[in-house]
Amino acid sequence: MNHDSIPAYGLWGLVIINTLVFIGFAFSFFKPSTPRDWRSFSAFSAFIVALFAEMYGFPLTIYLLSGWLQARYPNLDLLSHDAGHLWWTLTGQHGDPHFGFLHVASVVAIGLGFWLLASSWAVLYHAQRRRALTMSGPYARVRHPQYDGFVLIMFGFLLQWPTLLTLAMFPILVWMYVRLAITEEGDAERFFGQGWRDYAAHTPRFFPRLGFTDGSQPGDLHSSPKP
């Protein structure tokens, strides 16, 4: 199919459907329950809305860059769907961007992000019910795999379809998740005491170690008390 032969924008039905699907998936995996959970989920949802509004609705980024893009790439159809894959265009690639490395990498990142959300919630749910530390799942490798999941999904979409708005939002949201993680850790330390400190000493906050070289085991999952 020739992607340039079908309408690329003004498809607000697709905007709504894709937004609901991806936010719904994230909601079913993350299951926000505290005000802090809702803040992190709402920020992620705003990113998704901004993304699909430009991907299928109105191409604000393409519009703002149209003069520069048309001068640099005179044969580029700015209103085609493929033109929205800006990394593909800006790196001088040709052909269908959906089969390019960046698009494949984006699908992998998005899939891994959703897997982290789902597998983390399964562990977190049982730990919260016991009000206990537990050593299983992604929390054995990093202290905040759910935030890693959100960042991976957003990063994956940036690889696939960058926009000025989502590029501006991404570092702000990452900073917000870091701040939320630090706040949660303070709550967890007050609740669990030395058990949390032992866990934190052996388990990285966001980036997993490749191996355990000091003979220690991965740390435990923290379950901060519900407000």
N, C-alpha and C. Protein backbone atom coordinates (compact mmCIF):
# COMPACT_ATOMS: atom_id res chain seq x y z
N MET A 1 0.84 -1.20 0.00
CA MET A 1 0.00 0.00 0.00
C MET A 1 0.87 1.24 0.00
N ASN A 2 0.50 2.21 -0.77
CA ASN A 2 1.22 3.48 -0.79
C ASN A 2 0.68 4.38 0.31
N HIS A 3 1.50 4.62 1.32
CA HIS A 3 1.05 5.41 2.46
C HIS A 3 0.74 6.84 2.06
N ASP A 4 1.37 7.33 0.98
CA ASP A 4 1.16 8.71 0.58
C ASP A 4 -0.19 8.90 -0.11
N SER A 5 -0.87 7.79 -0.49
CA SER A 5 -2.11 7.90 -1.25
C SER A 5 -3.34 7.98 -0.36
N ILE A 6 -3.19 7.84 0.94
CA ILE A 6 -4.32 7.89 1.84
C ILE A 6 -4.21 9.12 2.72
N PRO A 7 -5.35 9.66 3.21
CA PRO A 7 -5.30 10.84 4.07
C PRO A 7 -4.44 10.58 5.30
N ALA A 8 -3.59 11.54 5.64
CA ALA A 8 -2.69 11.35 6.77
C ALA A 8 -3.15 12.08 8.02
N TYR A 9 -3.92 13.16 7.85
CA TYR A 9 -4.30 13.98 8.99
C TYR A 9 -5.79 14.29 8.96
N GLY A 10 -6.25 14.89 10.04
CA GLY A 10 -7.68 15.14 10.17
C GLY A 10 -8.46 13.90 10.54
N LEU A 11 -7.76 12.85 10.94
CA LEU A 11 -8.40 11.57 11.28
C LEU A 11 -8.63 11.53 12.79
N TRP A 12 -9.54 12.36 13.26
CA TRP A 12 -9.73 12.49 14.70
C TRP A 12 -10.32 11.24 15.33
N GLY A 13 -11.01 10.44 14.55
CA GLY A 13 -11.46 9.16 15.07
C GLY A 13 -10.30 8.27 15.46
N LEU A 14 -9.25 8.26 14.61
CA LEU A 14 -8.05 7.49 14.95
C LEU A 14 -7.33 8.08 16.15
N VAL A 15 -7.34 9.39 16.26
CA VAL A 15 -6.73 10.03 17.44
C VAL A 15 -7.39 9.50 18.71
N ILE A 16 -8.72 9.50 18.73
CA ILE A 16 -9.46 9.06 19.92
C ILE A 16 -9.23 7.58 20.19
N ILE A 17 -9.31 6.76 19.13
CA ILE A 17 -9.16 5.32 19.31
C ILE A 17 -7.78 4.97 19.83
N ASN A 18 -6.72 5.49 19.19
CA ASN A 18 -5.36 5.17 19.62
C ASN A 18 -5.08 5.70 21.02
N THR A 19 -5.57 6.90 21.32
CA THR A 19 -5.37 7.46 22.65
C THR A 19 -6.02 6.58 23.71
N LEU A 20 -7.27 6.18 23.47
CA LEU A 20 -7.98 5.34 24.44
C LEU A 20 -7.31 3.98 24.59
N VAL A 21 -6.84 3.41 23.48
CA VAL A 21 -6.21 2.09 23.54
C VAL A 21 -4.94 2.12 24.38
N PHE A 22 -4.05 3.09 24.09
CA PHE A 22 -2.77 3.10 24.80
C PHE A 22 -2.92 3.56 26.25
N ILE A 23 -3.78 4.53 26.50
CA ILE A 23 -4.01 4.94 27.88
C ILE A 23 -4.72 3.82 28.64
N GLY A 24 -5.64 3.13 27.96
CA GLY A 24 -6.33 2.02 28.59
C GLY A 24 -5.38 0.88 28.95
N PHE A 25 -4.46 0.55 28.04
CA PHE A 25 -3.47 -0.47 28.35
C PHE A 25 -2.65 -0.07 29.57
N ALA A 26 -2.16 1.16 29.56
CA ALA A 26 -1.33 1.62 30.67
C ALA A 26 -2.12 1.60 31.97
N PHE A 27 -3.38 2.00 31.92
CA PHE A 27 -4.22 2.01 33.12
C PHE A 27 -4.41 0.59 33.66
N SER A 28 -4.66 -0.36 32.76
CA SER A 28 -4.90 -1.74 33.20
C SER A 28 -3.65 -2.36 33.81
N PHE A 29 -2.47 -1.91 33.37
CA PHE A 29 -1.22 -2.46 33.90
C PHE A 29 -0.76 -1.71 35.15
N PHE A 30 -0.95 -0.40 35.17
CA PHE A 30 -0.44 0.43 36.26
C PHE A 30 -1.41 0.50 37.43
N LYS A 31 -2.71 0.57 37.15
CA LYS A 31 -3.77 0.62 38.14
C LYS A 31 -3.50 1.67 39.22
N PRO A 32 -3.52 2.95 38.85
CA PRO A 32 -3.26 4.00 39.85
C PRO A 32 -4.29 3.98 40.96
N SER A 33 -3.82 4.15 42.20
CA SER A 33 -4.75 4.12 43.33
C SER A 33 -4.51 5.26 44.31
N THR A 34 -3.30 5.82 44.33
CA THR A 34 -3.00 6.91 45.24
C THR A 34 -2.92 8.22 44.46
N PRO A 35 -3.02 9.36 45.14
CA PRO A 35 -2.85 10.64 44.43
C PRO A 35 -1.53 10.71 43.67
N ARG A 36 -0.48 10.15 44.24
CA ARG A 36 0.82 10.15 43.56
C ARG A 36 0.77 9.30 42.30
N ASP A 37 0.11 8.15 42.37
CA ASP A 37 -0.06 7.30 41.18
C ASP A 37 -0.80 8.06 40.08
N TRP A 38 -1.85 8.77 40.48
CA TRP A 38 -2.65 9.48 39.49
C TRP A 38 -1.88 10.61 38.84
N ARG A 39 -0.99 11.28 39.60
CA ARG A 39 -0.17 12.34 39.00
C ARG A 39 0.74 11.77 37.93
N SER A 40 1.41 10.66 38.24
CA SER A 40 2.33 10.08 37.26
C SER A 40 1.58 9.54 36.05
N PHE A 41 0.41 8.95 36.29
CA PHE A 41 -0.37 8.41 35.17
C PHE A 41 -0.95 9.54 34.32
N SER A 42 -1.40 10.62 34.94
CA SER A 42 -1.95 11.74 34.19
C SER A 42 -0.91 12.39 33.30
N ALA A 43 0.32 12.50 33.80
CA ALA A 43 1.39 13.09 32.99
C ALA A 43 1.67 12.22 31.77
N PHE A 44 1.71 10.91 31.97
CA PHE A 44 1.90 9.99 30.85
C PHE A 44 0.76 10.11 29.84
N SER A 45 -0.47 10.21 30.35
CA SER A 45 -1.64 10.33 29.47
C SER A 45 -1.58 11.60 28.63
N ALA A 46 -1.11 12.70 29.23
CA ALA A 46 -0.99 13.96 28.48
C ALA A 46 0.00 13.81 27.33
N PHE A 47 1.07 13.06 27.55
CA PHE A 47 2.05 12.80 26.50
C PHE A 47 1.39 12.03 25.35
N ILE A 48 0.60 11.01 25.68
CA ILE A 48 -0.05 10.19 24.66
C ILE A 48 -1.06 11.01 23.86
N VAL A 49 -1.82 11.85 24.53
CA VAL A 49 -2.78 12.70 23.83
C VAL A 49 -2.07 13.63 22.85
N ALA A 50 -1.00 14.27 23.32
CA ALA A 50 -0.25 15.19 22.46
C ALA A 50 0.35 14.46 21.26
N LEU A 51 0.82 13.24 21.49
CA LEU A 51 1.42 12.46 20.42
C LEU A 51 0.42 12.14 19.32
N PHE A 52 -0.71 11.54 19.68
CA PHE A 52 -1.66 11.08 18.66
C PHE A 52 -2.43 12.23 18.03
N ALA A 53 -2.56 13.35 18.76
CA ALA A 53 -3.21 14.52 18.16
C ALA A 53 -2.40 15.02 16.96
N GLU A 54 -1.07 14.89 17.04
CA GLU A 54 -0.23 15.30 15.90
C GLU A 54 -0.06 14.17 14.89
N MET A 55 -0.06 12.94 15.35
CA MET A 55 0.17 11.82 14.44
C MET A 55 -0.98 11.66 13.45
N TYR A 56 -2.21 11.87 13.91
CA TYR A 56 -3.37 11.65 13.04
C TYR A 56 -4.30 12.86 12.93
N GLY A 57 -4.16 13.84 13.81
CA GLY A 57 -5.05 14.98 13.80
C GLY A 57 -4.50 16.16 13.02
N PHE A 58 -3.78 17.03 13.73
CA PHE A 58 -3.20 18.20 13.09
C PHE A 58 -1.69 18.18 13.27
N PRO A 59 -0.88 18.18 12.17
CA PRO A 59 0.57 18.06 12.26
C PRO A 59 1.25 19.38 12.64
N LEU A 60 1.12 19.77 13.89
CA LEU A 60 1.64 21.06 14.33
C LEU A 60 3.14 21.19 14.07
N THR A 61 3.90 20.14 14.37
CA THR A 61 5.35 20.18 14.18
C THR A 61 5.69 20.36 12.70
N ILE A 62 5.05 19.59 11.84
CA ILE A 62 5.27 19.72 10.41
C ILE A 62 4.91 21.13 9.93
N TYR A 63 3.81 21.66 10.45
CA TYR A 63 3.38 23.00 10.07
C TYR A 63 4.43 24.05 10.47
N LEU A 64 4.93 23.96 11.70
CA LEU A 64 5.90 24.95 12.18
C LEU A 64 7.25 24.84 11.46
N LEU A 65 7.59 23.62 11.04
CA LEU A 65 8.88 23.41 10.37
C LEU A 65 8.74 23.35 8.85
N SER A 66 7.56 23.64 8.34
CA SER A 66 7.29 23.42 6.91
C SER A 66 8.23 24.21 6.00
N GLY A 67 8.50 25.48 6.34
CA GLY A 67 9.38 26.28 5.49
C GLY A 67 10.77 25.68 5.40
N TRP A 68 11.33 25.31 6.55
CA TRP A 68 12.67 24.72 6.58
C TRP A 68 12.69 23.36 5.89
N LEU A 69 11.67 22.52 6.17
CA LEU A 69 11.62 21.19 5.56
C LEU A 69 11.47 21.28 4.05
N GLN A 70 10.62 22.18 3.57
CA GLN A 70 10.40 22.29 2.14
C GLN A 70 11.64 22.78 1.41
N ALA A 71 12.40 23.68 2.07
CA ALA A 71 13.63 24.17 1.46
C ALA A 71 14.71 23.09 1.43
N ARG A 72 14.75 22.29 2.49
CA ARG A 72 15.81 21.27 2.58
C ARG A 72 15.45 20.01 1.80
N TYR A 73 14.14 19.69 1.77
CA TYR A 73 13.69 18.48 1.08
C TYR A 73 12.57 18.89 0.11
N PRO A 74 12.91 19.47 -1.02
CA PRO A 74 11.89 20.03 -1.93
C PRO A 74 10.94 18.99 -2.50
N ASN A 75 11.34 17.73 -2.54
CA ASN A 75 10.47 16.69 -3.09
C ASN A 75 9.63 15.99 -2.03
N LEU A 76 9.73 16.43 -0.80
CA LEU A 76 9.01 15.79 0.30
C LEU A 76 7.55 16.24 0.33
N ASP A 77 6.64 15.29 0.39
CA ASP A 77 5.22 15.60 0.55
C ASP A 77 4.96 15.78 2.05
N LEU A 78 4.88 17.01 2.50
CA LEU A 78 4.79 17.30 3.92
C LEU A 78 3.52 16.76 4.56
N LEU A 79 2.47 16.57 3.76
CA LEU A 79 1.21 16.10 4.32
C LEU A 79 1.03 14.59 4.23
N SER A 80 2.09 13.89 3.84
CA SER A 80 2.02 12.44 3.83
C SER A 80 2.30 11.90 5.22
N HIS A 81 1.83 10.70 5.47
CA HIS A 81 2.08 10.08 6.78
C HIS A 81 3.56 9.83 7.01
N ASP A 82 4.25 9.37 5.96
CA ASP A 82 5.67 9.04 6.10
C ASP A 82 6.50 10.25 6.51
N ALA A 83 6.08 11.45 6.08
CA ALA A 83 6.84 12.65 6.42
C ALA A 83 6.85 12.92 7.92
N GLY A 84 5.85 12.39 8.62
CA GLY A 84 5.80 12.58 10.07
C GLY A 84 6.87 11.80 10.82
N HIS A 85 7.45 10.79 10.17
CA HIS A 85 8.56 10.06 10.78
C HIS A 85 9.84 10.88 10.56
N LEU A 86 9.97 11.94 11.34
CA LEU A 86 10.99 12.95 11.05
C LEU A 86 12.41 12.43 11.15
N TRP A 87 12.69 11.52 12.09
CA TRP A 87 14.06 11.01 12.18
C TRP A 87 14.46 10.32 10.87
N TRP A 88 13.51 9.61 10.29
CA TRP A 88 13.75 8.92 9.02
C TRP A 88 14.10 9.92 7.93
N THR A 89 13.33 11.01 7.88
CA THR A 89 13.56 12.05 6.87
C THR A 89 14.87 12.79 7.12
N LEU A 90 15.10 13.20 8.35
CA LEU A 90 16.26 14.03 8.67
C LEU A 90 17.59 13.28 8.53
N THR A 91 17.56 11.96 8.63
CA THR A 91 18.79 11.18 8.46
C THR A 91 18.99 10.72 7.02
N GLY A 92 18.14 11.21 6.10
CA GLY A 92 18.34 10.93 4.68
C GLY A 92 17.96 9.54 4.25
N GLN A 93 17.04 8.88 5.00
CA GLN A 93 16.63 7.53 4.64
C GLN A 93 15.59 7.56 3.53
N HIS A 94 15.46 6.44 2.84
CA HIS A 94 14.49 6.33 1.76
C HIS A 94 13.70 5.03 1.92
N GLY A 95 12.52 4.99 1.32
CA GLY A 95 11.69 3.81 1.43
C GLY A 95 10.66 3.97 2.54
N ASP A 96 10.09 2.85 2.97
CA ASP A 96 9.05 2.84 3.98
C ASP A 96 9.67 2.94 5.37
N PRO A 97 9.40 4.00 6.12
CA PRO A 97 10.02 4.15 7.45
C PRO A 97 9.55 3.11 8.45
N HIS A 98 8.43 2.46 8.19
CA HIS A 98 7.89 1.48 9.12
C HIS A 98 8.77 0.23 9.22
N PHE A 99 9.68 0.05 8.25
CA PHE A 99 10.58 -1.10 8.29
C PHE A 99 12.00 -0.69 8.66
N GLY A 100 12.18 0.57 9.03
CA GLY A 100 13.50 1.06 9.40
C GLY A 100 13.89 0.67 10.81
N PHE A 101 15.17 0.83 11.11
CA PHE A 101 15.69 0.44 12.41
C PHE A 101 15.02 1.20 13.54
N LEU A 102 14.83 2.51 13.38
CA LEU A 102 14.26 3.31 14.46
C LEU A 102 12.83 2.89 14.77
N HIS A 103 12.07 2.56 13.74
CA HIS A 103 10.69 2.13 13.98
C HIS A 103 10.66 0.79 14.70
N VAL A 104 11.52 -0.13 14.29
CA VAL A 104 11.60 -1.42 14.96
C VAL A 104 12.05 -1.24 16.41
N ALA A 105 13.06 -0.38 16.63
CA ALA A 105 13.54 -0.12 17.99
C ALA A 105 12.44 0.50 18.84
N SER A 106 11.62 1.36 18.22
CA SER A 106 10.54 1.98 18.98
C SER A 106 9.51 0.95 19.42
N VAL A 107 9.19 0.01 18.55
CA VAL A 107 8.23 -1.04 18.91
C VAL A 107 8.77 -1.89 20.05
N VAL A 108 10.06 -2.20 20.01
CA VAL A 108 10.68 -2.98 21.09
C VAL A 108 10.62 -2.21 22.40
N ALA A 109 10.96 -0.92 22.37
CA ALA A 109 10.95 -0.10 23.59
C ALA A 109 9.55 0.02 24.17
N ILE A 110 8.55 0.24 23.30
CA ILE A 110 7.17 0.36 23.76
C ILE A 110 6.70 -0.96 24.37
N GLY A 111 7.00 -2.07 23.68
CA GLY A 111 6.60 -3.38 24.20
C GLY A 111 7.25 -3.69 25.53
N LEU A 112 8.54 -3.37 25.67
CA LEU A 112 9.24 -3.61 26.92
C LEU A 112 8.66 -2.74 28.03
N GLY A 113 8.30 -1.51 27.68
CA GLY A 113 7.71 -0.62 28.68
C GLY A 113 6.40 -1.16 29.22
N PHE A 114 5.53 -1.63 28.33
CA PHE A 114 4.26 -2.19 28.79
C PHE A 114 4.48 -3.48 29.58
N TRP A 115 5.46 -4.27 29.18
CA TRP A 115 5.77 -5.48 29.95
C TRP A 115 6.22 -5.13 31.36
N LEU A 116 7.05 -4.09 31.49
CA LEU A 116 7.48 -3.66 32.82
C LEU A 116 6.30 -3.21 33.67
N LEU A 117 5.40 -2.44 33.08
CA LEU A 117 4.23 -2.00 33.84
C LEU A 117 3.42 -3.19 34.33
N ALA A 118 3.17 -4.15 33.45
CA ALA A 118 2.33 -5.29 33.80
C ALA A 118 3.00 -6.18 34.85
N SER A 119 4.26 -6.54 34.63
CA SER A 119 4.93 -7.45 35.55
C SER A 119 5.21 -6.78 36.89
N SER A 120 5.46 -5.48 36.88
CA SER A 120 5.70 -4.77 38.14
C SER A 120 4.43 -4.70 38.98
N TRP A 121 3.31 -4.42 38.32
CA TRP A 121 2.07 -4.32 39.07
C TRP A 121 1.72 -5.65 39.74
N ALA A 122 1.94 -6.76 39.05
CA ALA A 122 1.60 -8.06 39.62
C ALA A 122 2.35 -8.30 40.92
N VAL A 123 3.61 -7.88 40.98
CA VAL A 123 4.41 -8.05 42.19
C VAL A 123 4.00 -7.02 43.24
N LEU A 124 3.83 -5.78 42.81
CA LEU A 124 3.51 -4.70 43.74
C LEU A 124 2.19 -4.93 44.44
N TYR A 125 1.21 -5.44 43.72
CA TYR A 125 -0.12 -5.65 44.29
C TYR A 125 -0.06 -6.60 45.49
N HIS A 126 0.63 -7.72 45.33
CA HIS A 126 0.72 -8.69 46.42
C HIS A 126 1.55 -8.14 47.58
N ALA A 127 2.60 -7.37 47.26
CA ALA A 127 3.41 -6.79 48.33
C ALA A 127 2.61 -5.77 49.14
N GLN A 128 1.80 -4.97 48.48
CA GLN A 128 1.00 -3.98 49.18
C GLN A 128 -0.03 -4.64 50.08
N ARG A 129 -0.57 -5.75 49.65
CA ARG A 129 -1.56 -6.45 50.49
C ARG A 129 -0.91 -7.00 51.75
N ARG A 130 0.35 -7.41 51.65
CA ARG A 130 1.06 -7.92 52.83
C ARG A 130 1.73 -6.82 53.62
N ARG A 131 1.80 -5.61 53.05
CA ARG A 131 2.54 -4.50 53.65
C ARG A 131 3.97 -4.94 53.94
N ALA A 132 4.59 -5.58 52.97
CA ALA A 132 5.89 -6.21 53.21
C ALA A 132 6.84 -5.96 52.06
N LEU A 133 8.12 -6.21 52.35
CA LEU A 133 9.13 -6.23 51.32
C LEU A 133 9.14 -7.61 50.68
N THR A 134 9.35 -7.67 49.39
CA THR A 134 9.43 -8.96 48.73
C THR A 134 10.52 -8.92 47.66
N MET A 135 11.08 -10.09 47.36
CA MET A 135 12.20 -10.16 46.43
C MET A 135 11.78 -10.95 45.20
N SER A 136 11.16 -10.26 44.24
CA SER A 136 10.73 -10.95 43.03
C SER A 136 10.44 -9.93 41.94
N GLY A 137 10.40 -10.44 40.71
CA GLY A 137 10.02 -9.60 39.59
C GLY A 137 11.01 -8.49 39.28
N PRO A 138 10.57 -7.51 38.51
CA PRO A 138 11.47 -6.41 38.11
C PRO A 138 12.02 -5.62 39.29
N TYR A 139 11.29 -5.61 40.42
CA TYR A 139 11.77 -4.87 41.59
C TYR A 139 13.01 -5.49 42.20
N ALA A 140 13.35 -6.70 41.80
CA ALA A 140 14.60 -7.30 42.25
C ALA A 140 15.80 -6.71 41.52
N ARG A 141 15.56 -6.02 40.42
CA ARG A 141 16.66 -5.45 39.64
C ARG A 141 16.73 -3.93 39.73
N VAL A 142 15.59 -3.27 39.82
CA VAL A 142 15.56 -1.81 39.98
C VAL A 142 14.46 -1.45 40.97
N ARG A 143 14.58 -0.29 41.60
CA ARG A 143 13.63 0.11 42.62
C ARG A 143 12.34 0.70 42.05
N HIS A 144 12.38 1.16 40.80
CA HIS A 144 11.20 1.82 40.23
C HIS A 144 10.95 1.35 38.78
N PRO A 145 10.68 0.06 38.59
CA PRO A 145 10.47 -0.43 37.22
C PRO A 145 9.25 0.15 36.54
N GLN A 146 8.23 0.55 37.31
CA GLN A 146 7.05 1.11 36.67
C GLN A 146 7.36 2.46 36.03
N TYR A 147 8.16 3.26 36.68
CA TYR A 147 8.57 4.53 36.08
C TYR A 147 9.49 4.27 34.89
N ASP A 148 10.34 3.26 34.99
CA ASP A 148 11.13 2.87 33.82
C ASP A 148 10.22 2.51 32.65
N GLY A 149 9.11 1.81 32.96
CA GLY A 149 8.18 1.42 31.92
C GLY A 149 7.56 2.62 31.21
N PHE A 150 7.12 3.61 31.99
CA PHE A 150 6.55 4.81 31.39
C PHE A 150 7.57 5.53 30.50
N VAL A 151 8.80 5.65 30.99
CA VAL A 151 9.83 6.36 30.23
C VAL A 151 10.16 5.60 28.95
N LEU A 152 10.23 4.27 29.02
CA LEU A 152 10.52 3.47 27.83
C LEU A 152 9.43 3.64 26.77
N ILE A 153 8.17 3.65 27.19
CA ILE A 153 7.08 3.82 26.23
C ILE A 153 7.18 5.18 25.56
N MET A 154 7.39 6.23 26.35
CA MET A 154 7.50 7.57 25.77
C MET A 154 8.71 7.68 24.86
N PHE A 155 9.84 7.12 25.28
CA PHE A 155 11.04 7.15 24.45
C PHE A 155 10.81 6.41 23.15
N GLY A 156 10.12 5.27 23.23
CA GLY A 156 9.82 4.51 22.02
C GLY A 156 9.00 5.32 21.03
N PHE A 157 8.01 6.04 21.53
CA PHE A 157 7.21 6.87 20.64
C PHE A 157 8.01 8.02 20.06
N LEU A 158 8.96 8.56 20.81
CA LEU A 158 9.81 9.63 20.28
C LEU A 158 10.70 9.11 19.15
N LEU A 159 11.14 7.87 19.24
CA LEU A 159 11.92 7.29 18.15
C LEU A 159 11.08 7.15 16.89
N GLN A 160 9.80 6.88 17.09
CA GLN A 160 8.91 6.61 15.96
C GLN A 160 8.32 7.89 15.36
N TRP A 161 7.90 8.81 16.22
CA TRP A 161 7.16 9.97 15.74
C TRP A 161 7.48 11.18 16.63
N PRO A 162 8.60 11.83 16.44
CA PRO A 162 8.95 12.98 17.28
C PRO A 162 8.11 14.21 16.93
N THR A 163 7.69 14.93 17.94
CA THR A 163 7.03 16.22 17.74
C THR A 163 7.68 17.23 18.68
N LEU A 164 7.52 18.49 18.34
CA LEU A 164 8.11 19.53 19.19
C LEU A 164 7.54 19.48 20.60
N LEU A 165 6.23 19.22 20.70
CA LEU A 165 5.59 19.20 22.00
C LEU A 165 6.04 18.01 22.84
N THR A 166 6.06 16.82 22.25
CA THR A 166 6.45 15.65 23.04
C THR A 166 7.95 15.66 23.35
N LEU A 167 8.76 16.22 22.45
CA LEU A 167 10.18 16.37 22.76
C LEU A 167 10.40 17.32 23.93
N ALA A 168 9.57 18.36 24.02
CA ALA A 168 9.66 19.28 25.15
C ALA A 168 9.13 18.65 26.43
N MET A 169 8.07 17.84 26.31
CA MET A 169 7.47 17.21 27.48
C MET A 169 8.34 16.12 28.08
N PHE A 170 9.08 15.41 27.23
CA PHE A 170 9.79 14.22 27.69
C PHE A 170 10.76 14.50 28.85
N PRO A 171 11.70 15.45 28.75
CA PRO A 171 12.60 15.67 29.89
C PRO A 171 11.88 16.16 31.13
N ILE A 172 10.78 16.91 30.95
CA ILE A 172 10.01 17.38 32.10
C ILE A 172 9.37 16.19 32.82
N LEU A 173 8.82 15.26 32.05
CA LEU A 173 8.18 14.09 32.65
C LEU A 173 9.21 13.18 33.31
N VAL A 174 10.37 13.02 32.69
CA VAL A 174 11.42 12.21 33.31
C VAL A 174 11.82 12.83 34.65
N TRP A 175 11.99 14.15 34.68
CA TRP A 175 12.34 14.84 35.92
C TRP A 175 11.24 14.63 36.96
N MET A 176 9.97 14.69 36.52
CA MET A 176 8.87 14.48 37.45
C MET A 176 8.89 13.08 38.05
N TYR A 177 9.19 12.07 37.21
CA TYR A 177 9.24 10.70 37.71
C TYR A 177 10.40 10.51 38.68
N VAL A 178 11.51 11.16 38.41
CA VAL A 178 12.64 11.07 39.34
C VAL A 178 12.25 11.67 40.69
N ARG A 179 11.59 12.82 40.67
CA ARG A 179 11.16 13.45 41.92
C ARG A 179 10.15 12.58 42.66
N LEU A 180 9.21 12.01 41.93
CA LEU A 180 8.24 11.12 42.56
C LEU A 180 8.92 9.90 43.17
N ALA A 181 9.92 9.36 42.47
CA ALA A 181 10.64 8.19 42.98
C ALA A 181 11.35 8.53 44.28
N ILE A 182 11.99 9.69 44.33
CA ILE A 182 12.70 10.09 45.54
C ILE A 182 11.73 10.27 46.70
N THR A 183 10.58 10.88 46.43
CA THR A 183 9.57 11.05 47.47
C THR A 183 9.07 9.71 47.97
N GLU A 184 8.81 8.77 47.06
CA GLU A 184 8.35 7.44 47.46
C GLU A 184 9.39 6.73 48.31
N GLU A 185 10.64 6.91 47.96
CA GLU A 185 11.70 6.26 48.73
C GLU A 185 11.76 6.78 50.16
N GLY A 186 11.53 8.08 50.33
CA GLY A 186 11.48 8.62 51.68
C GLY A 186 10.36 8.00 52.49
N ASP A 187 9.19 7.86 51.87
CA ASP A 187 8.06 7.22 52.55
C ASP A 187 8.38 5.77 52.90
N ALA A 188 8.99 5.06 51.95
CA ALA A 188 9.30 3.65 52.17
C ALA A 188 10.33 3.48 53.28
N GLU A 189 11.32 4.36 53.32
CA GLU A 189 12.33 4.25 54.37
C GLU A 189 11.72 4.49 55.74
N ARG A 190 10.82 5.46 55.85
CA ARG A 190 10.17 5.71 57.14
C ARG A 190 9.30 4.53 57.56
N PHE A 191 8.70 3.84 56.59
CA PHE A 191 7.80 2.75 56.91
C PHE A 191 8.54 1.44 57.20
N PHE A 192 9.57 1.15 56.39
CA PHE A 192 10.25 -0.13 56.50
C PHE A 192 11.60 -0.07 57.22
N GLY A 193 12.14 1.13 57.38
CA GLY A 193 13.38 1.28 58.14
C GLY A 193 14.58 0.59 57.51
N GLN A 194 15.26 -0.20 58.32
CA GLN A 194 16.51 -0.82 57.88
C GLN A 194 16.29 -1.79 56.72
N GLY A 195 15.13 -2.43 56.69
CA GLY A 195 14.85 -3.35 55.58
C GLY A 195 14.90 -2.62 54.25
N TRP A 196 14.32 -1.42 54.20
CA TRP A 196 14.38 -0.62 52.97
C TRP A 196 15.80 -0.18 52.66
N ARG A 197 16.54 0.24 53.69
CA ARG A 197 17.91 0.71 53.44
C ARG A 197 18.78 -0.42 52.91
N ASP A 198 18.60 -1.63 53.40
CA ASP A 198 19.35 -2.77 52.87
C ASP A 198 18.98 -3.02 51.41
N TYR A 199 17.70 -2.94 51.13
CA TYR A 199 17.24 -3.13 49.75
C TYR A 199 17.83 -2.08 48.82
N ALA A 200 17.76 -0.82 49.23
CA ALA A 200 18.25 0.27 48.40
C ALA A 200 19.75 0.18 48.19
N ALA A 201 20.47 -0.36 49.18
CA ALA A 201 21.93 -0.45 49.06
C ALA A 201 22.34 -1.43 47.98
N HIS A 202 21.49 -2.41 47.67
CA HIS A 202 21.85 -3.45 46.71
C HIS A 202 21.09 -3.34 45.38
N THR A 203 20.11 -2.44 45.30
CA THR A 203 19.26 -2.38 44.12
C THR A 203 19.29 -0.97 43.52
N PRO A 204 19.72 -0.82 42.29
CA PRO A 204 19.75 0.52 41.67
C PRO A 204 18.36 1.13 41.57
N ARG A 205 18.32 2.45 41.46
CA ARG A 205 17.04 3.14 41.40
C ARG A 205 16.34 2.91 40.05
N PHE A 206 17.04 3.13 38.94
CA PHE A 206 16.40 3.04 37.62
C PHE A 206 17.11 2.12 36.65
N PHE A 207 18.43 2.02 36.72
CA PHE A 207 19.20 1.28 35.72
C PHE A 207 19.73 -0.01 36.34
N PRO A 208 19.30 -1.17 35.85
CA PRO A 208 19.73 -2.43 36.45
C PRO A 208 21.20 -2.70 36.20
N ARG A 209 21.83 -3.33 37.17
CA ARG A 209 23.20 -3.80 36.98
C ARG A 209 23.19 -5.02 36.07
N LEU A 210 24.29 -5.20 35.37
CA LEU A 210 24.38 -6.35 34.47
C LEU A 210 24.56 -7.65 35.24
N GLY A 211 25.07 -7.56 36.46
CA GLY A 211 25.28 -8.76 37.27
C GLY A 211 25.53 -8.35 38.70
N PHE A 212 25.55 -9.31 39.59
CA PHE A 212 25.80 -9.07 40.99
C PHE A 212 27.21 -9.57 41.31
N THR A 213 28.14 -8.63 41.29
CA THR A 213 29.54 -9.00 41.40
C THR A 213 30.04 -9.06 42.83
N ASP A 214 29.24 -8.59 43.80
CA ASP A 214 29.72 -8.59 45.18
C ASP A 214 29.16 -9.74 46.00
N GLY A 215 28.49 -10.69 45.31
CA GLY A 215 27.95 -11.84 46.02
C GLY A 215 26.60 -11.59 46.64
N SER A 216 26.08 -10.38 46.52
CA SER A 216 24.79 -10.07 47.10
C SER A 216 23.68 -10.47 46.16
N GLN A 217 22.48 -10.50 46.68
CA GLN A 217 21.29 -10.83 45.91
C GLN A 217 20.52 -9.55 45.62
N PRO A 218 19.70 -9.58 44.61
CA PRO A 218 18.91 -8.40 44.32
C PRO A 218 18.01 -8.04 45.49
N GLY A 219 17.68 -6.77 45.57
CA GLY A 219 16.93 -6.27 46.72
C GLY A 219 15.45 -6.59 46.67
N ASP A 220 14.75 -6.07 47.63
CA ASP A 220 13.33 -6.33 47.78
C ASP A 220 12.49 -5.21 47.21
N LEU A 221 11.29 -5.53 46.95
CA LEU A 221 10.31 -4.57 46.48
C LEU A 221 9.82 -3.73 47.64
N HIS A 222 9.73 -2.42 47.44
CA HIS A 222 9.13 -1.59 48.48
C HIS A 222 7.67 -1.39 48.18
N SER A 223 6.89 -1.36 49.20
CA SER A 223 5.47 -1.09 49.08
C SER A 223 5.12 0.00 50.05
N SER A 224 5.09 1.24 49.58
CA SER A 224 4.83 2.34 50.47
C SER A 224 3.39 2.30 50.94
N PRO A 225 3.13 2.70 52.18
CA PRO A 225 1.78 2.63 52.71
C PRO A 225 0.82 3.50 51.92
N LYS A 226 -0.40 3.05 51.78
CA LYS A 226 -1.42 3.83 51.10
C LYS A 226 -1.81 5.03 51.96
N PRO A 227 -2.01 6.21 51.34
CA PRO A 227 -2.41 7.36 52.13
C PRO A 227 -3.86 7.22 52.59
